[in-house]
Structures are given as structure tokens and as C-alpha cells.
Protein backbone atom coordinates (compact mmCIF):
# COMPACT_ATOMS: atom_id res chain seq x y z
CA MET A 1 -1.47 -11.19 2.15
CA LEU A 2 0.42 -8.10 1.06
CA LEU A 3 2.63 -6.07 3.40
CA ALA A 4 0.52 -3.02 2.56
CA GLU A 5 -2.67 -4.85 3.60
CA ASP A 6 -1.10 -5.85 6.90
CA LEU A 7 0.03 -2.28 7.50
CA LEU A 8 -3.44 -0.93 6.71
CA LEU A 9 -5.00 -3.36 9.19
CA LEU A 10 -2.59 -2.21 11.88
CA VAL A 11 -3.47 1.47 11.43
CA THR A 12 -7.25 0.94 11.19
CA ASP A 13 -9.19 0.79 14.45
CA ASP A 14 -11.07 -2.53 14.65
CA ALA A 15 -14.21 -1.11 16.25
CA SER A 16 -14.66 2.24 14.52
CA GLY A 17 -13.03 1.38 11.20
CA ARG A 18 -11.18 4.71 11.14
CA LEU A 19 -7.50 5.36 10.68
CA THR A 20 -5.47 5.78 13.86
CA ALA A 21 -2.82 7.81 12.02
CA ASP A 22 -2.79 10.70 9.58
CA GLY A 23 -4.01 9.67 6.12
CA VAL A 24 -1.04 11.25 4.31
CA GLN A 25 1.38 9.29 6.49
CA VAL A 26 -0.61 6.09 6.01
CA ASP A 27 -0.58 6.52 2.23
CA ALA A 28 3.20 7.04 2.30
CA GLY A 29 3.58 3.92 4.43
CA LEU A 30 1.46 1.89 2.03
CA GLY A 31 3.53 3.08 -0.93
CA GLY A 32 6.70 2.20 0.97
CA ALA A 33 5.31 -1.24 1.80
CA ASN A 34 4.74 -1.91 -1.91
CA LEU A 35 8.28 -0.76 -2.69
CA VAL A 36 9.69 -3.09 -0.02
CA GLU A 37 7.58 -6.01 -1.24
CA LEU A 38 8.73 -5.54 -4.84
CA THR A 39 12.32 -5.36 -3.59
CA LEU A 40 11.89 -8.61 -1.66
CA LEU A 41 10.52 -10.23 -4.82
CA GLY A 42 13.64 -9.12 -6.73
CA LYS A 43 11.64 -6.89 -9.06
CA VAL A 44 13.27 -3.59 -8.07
CA ASP A 45 16.39 -2.50 -6.25
CA VAL A 46 18.42 0.58 -5.47
CA SER A 47 21.25 1.19 -7.92
CA GLY A 48 24.79 0.66 -6.71
CA GLU A 49 28.30 1.27 -7.98
CA GLN A 50 28.03 -1.48 -10.61
CA ASP A 51 24.94 0.14 -12.20
CA GLN A 52 24.79 2.95 -14.73
CA GLY A 53 23.63 6.34 -13.54
CA LYS A 54 23.59 7.72 -10.03
CA ARG A 55 23.79 5.45 -7.01
CA GLY A 56 20.80 5.13 -4.71
CA ARG A 57 18.17 5.40 -7.43
CA ILE A 58 15.28 3.06 -8.26
CA SER A 59 16.30 0.35 -10.69
CA VAL A 60 13.80 -2.14 -12.10
CA ARG A 61 15.57 -5.52 -12.26
CA ASP A 62 12.65 -7.62 -13.52
CA PRO A 63 9.72 -5.82 -15.21
CA SER A 64 7.59 -8.96 -15.49
CA PRO A 65 4.35 -8.63 -13.46
CA PRO A 66 4.40 -10.40 -10.07
CA GLY A 67 0.82 -11.60 -10.63
CA GLU A 68 -0.95 -9.59 -7.92
CA ASP A 69 -2.98 -6.58 -9.11
CA VAL A 70 -1.68 -4.10 -6.52
CA LEU A 71 1.95 -5.07 -7.04
CA ASP A 72 1.52 -5.18 -10.83
CA ALA A 73 0.26 -1.57 -10.74
CA ALA A 74 3.10 -0.52 -8.43
CA LEU A 75 5.69 -2.08 -10.73
CA ARG A 76 4.23 -0.24 -13.72
CA ILE A 77 4.65 3.03 -11.80
CA LEU A 78 8.26 2.18 -10.99
CA VAL A 79 9.09 1.28 -14.58
CA LYS A 80 7.98 4.79 -15.59
CA ARG A 81 9.92 6.40 -12.73
CA GLN A 82 13.08 4.34 -12.94
CA GLY A 83 16.21 6.30 -12.02
CA ARG A 84 14.50 8.46 -9.40
CA LYS A 85 15.19 8.55 -5.69
CA PRO A 86 13.14 6.13 -3.58
CA SER A 87 11.61 9.08 -1.71
CA ALA A 88 10.28 10.43 -5.04
CA VAL A 89 8.30 7.26 -5.81
CA ILE A 90 6.66 6.71 -2.42
CA ARG A 91 3.81 9.17 -2.98
CA PRO A 92 2.86 7.87 -6.45
CA LEU A 93 2.96 4.29 -5.14
CA GLY A 94 0.56 5.16 -2.30
CA LYS A 95 -1.87 7.24 -4.36
CA ASN A 96 -5.43 5.82 -4.18
CA LEU A 97 -4.02 2.59 -2.73
CA ARG A 98 -5.91 2.73 0.56
CA ALA A 99 -9.34 2.40 -1.09
CA VAL A 100 -8.17 -0.52 -3.24
CA LEU A 101 -6.75 -2.36 -0.24
CA TYR A 102 -9.84 -1.73 1.87
CA ARG A 103 -12.03 -3.21 -0.89
CA GLN A 104 -9.77 -6.27 -1.16
CA LEU A 105 -9.87 -6.82 2.59
CA ALA A 106 -13.66 -6.45 2.61
CA ALA A 107 -14.00 -8.93 -0.27
CA ARG A 108 -12.05 -11.47 1.80
CA GLY A 109 -14.25 -10.89 4.85
CA VAL A 110 -11.57 -9.29 7.01
CA LEU A 111 -13.27 -5.86 7.09
CA ARG A 112 -16.73 -4.62 6.29
CA SER A 113 -17.71 -1.38 4.65
CA ARG A 114 -19.96 0.97 6.61
CA GLN A 115 -21.22 4.17 5.04
CA ARG A 116 -22.83 6.99 7.00
CA ARG A 117 -23.29 10.73 6.80
CA VAL A 118 -21.44 13.35 8.81
CA LEU A 119 -23.71 16.23 9.84
CA GLY A 120 -26.39 14.50 7.81
CA ILE A 121 -24.81 15.78 4.60
CA PHE A 122 -21.32 14.44 3.88
CA PRO A 123 -21.03 10.74 3.11
CA THR A 124 -18.15 8.96 4.83
CA ARG A 125 -17.04 5.35 4.79
CA THR A 126 -15.40 3.43 7.59
CA TRP A 127 -13.97 -0.09 7.58
CA PRO A 128 -14.55 -1.85 10.92
CA ALA A 129 -13.16 -5.33 11.43
CA GLN A 130 -15.44 -8.16 10.51
CA ASP A 131 -12.88 -10.73 11.61
CA PRO A 132 -10.76 -9.19 14.42
CA SER A 133 -8.75 -12.41 14.75
CA HIS A 134 -6.90 -11.63 11.54
CA THR A 135 -5.80 -8.20 12.81
CA ALA A 136 -4.74 -9.77 16.11
CA GLU A 137 -2.68 -12.32 14.19
CA VAL A 138 -0.94 -9.54 12.24
CA ARG A 139 -0.15 -7.71 15.48
């Protein structure tokens, strides 16, 4: 299970399937979780004194795909944005990630998708827990 998936489970209410935090903040957290996971895998790092260019910038150490779709996509983003500050890559890493992670969690039976209409007009989707034991284990 990805760090970003665990984080998304922690900020999604089990019963209602709604976020318990602001969506912009959640997206930034998910992007940061992908950055951390790629760092732990040795794929990216922050440049230091021994590296060319400015210190404290994103440096891709191993551009080979990690083999997981979400992380593969994140690494492709970082390859294009190499040399930028970590804070500058968080938003692109989190863009549209929530929907992808929700679908993956639903496919594994952790969450279920529930669609309804607000005011009878606007469609909205929530993701209540199908298996609350998994969220409890993450907590």
C-alpha cells in the first residue's frame, strides 16, 4: 500500500466517505507523500554540496520506473521538474491524484463509491469505507 493511499484513508471519514480536511491541503499532502515514497525508494533526493546546481533542489537519482502506476507517474513529473525546489513540485504531484487513489482503494474493496446529487442537481461522489478494519489498522 502506498503512503498516499494510507494518508487518504486517514483523512476520509469512514461513514460519510467525505474528506475531513480541506481538499487543497489533502492534495498537497498526497503529493508530498509520493515525493517521500520516491525518496525512500532512492529514486529522488534533494541536491547537496556534492551535486551540481543549487543545493536543496529536486534531483532524480534513478529515473527507472518503480513499477507502481502512481509512483511511475510521479517520477515522470519529477524528471521534467528536476532542479526545482521541493515546494514547487508538491502541487503537480498531487494534481488529480485523489481520484486515482480512491479508485484504486475501491478496486481493492477498501472503499466503495457512492454517487448522489446535491440539491437534486449537482452530482457528487463520496467514498465510505467498505472495510473499516483496514483504516483502523492504518491508524
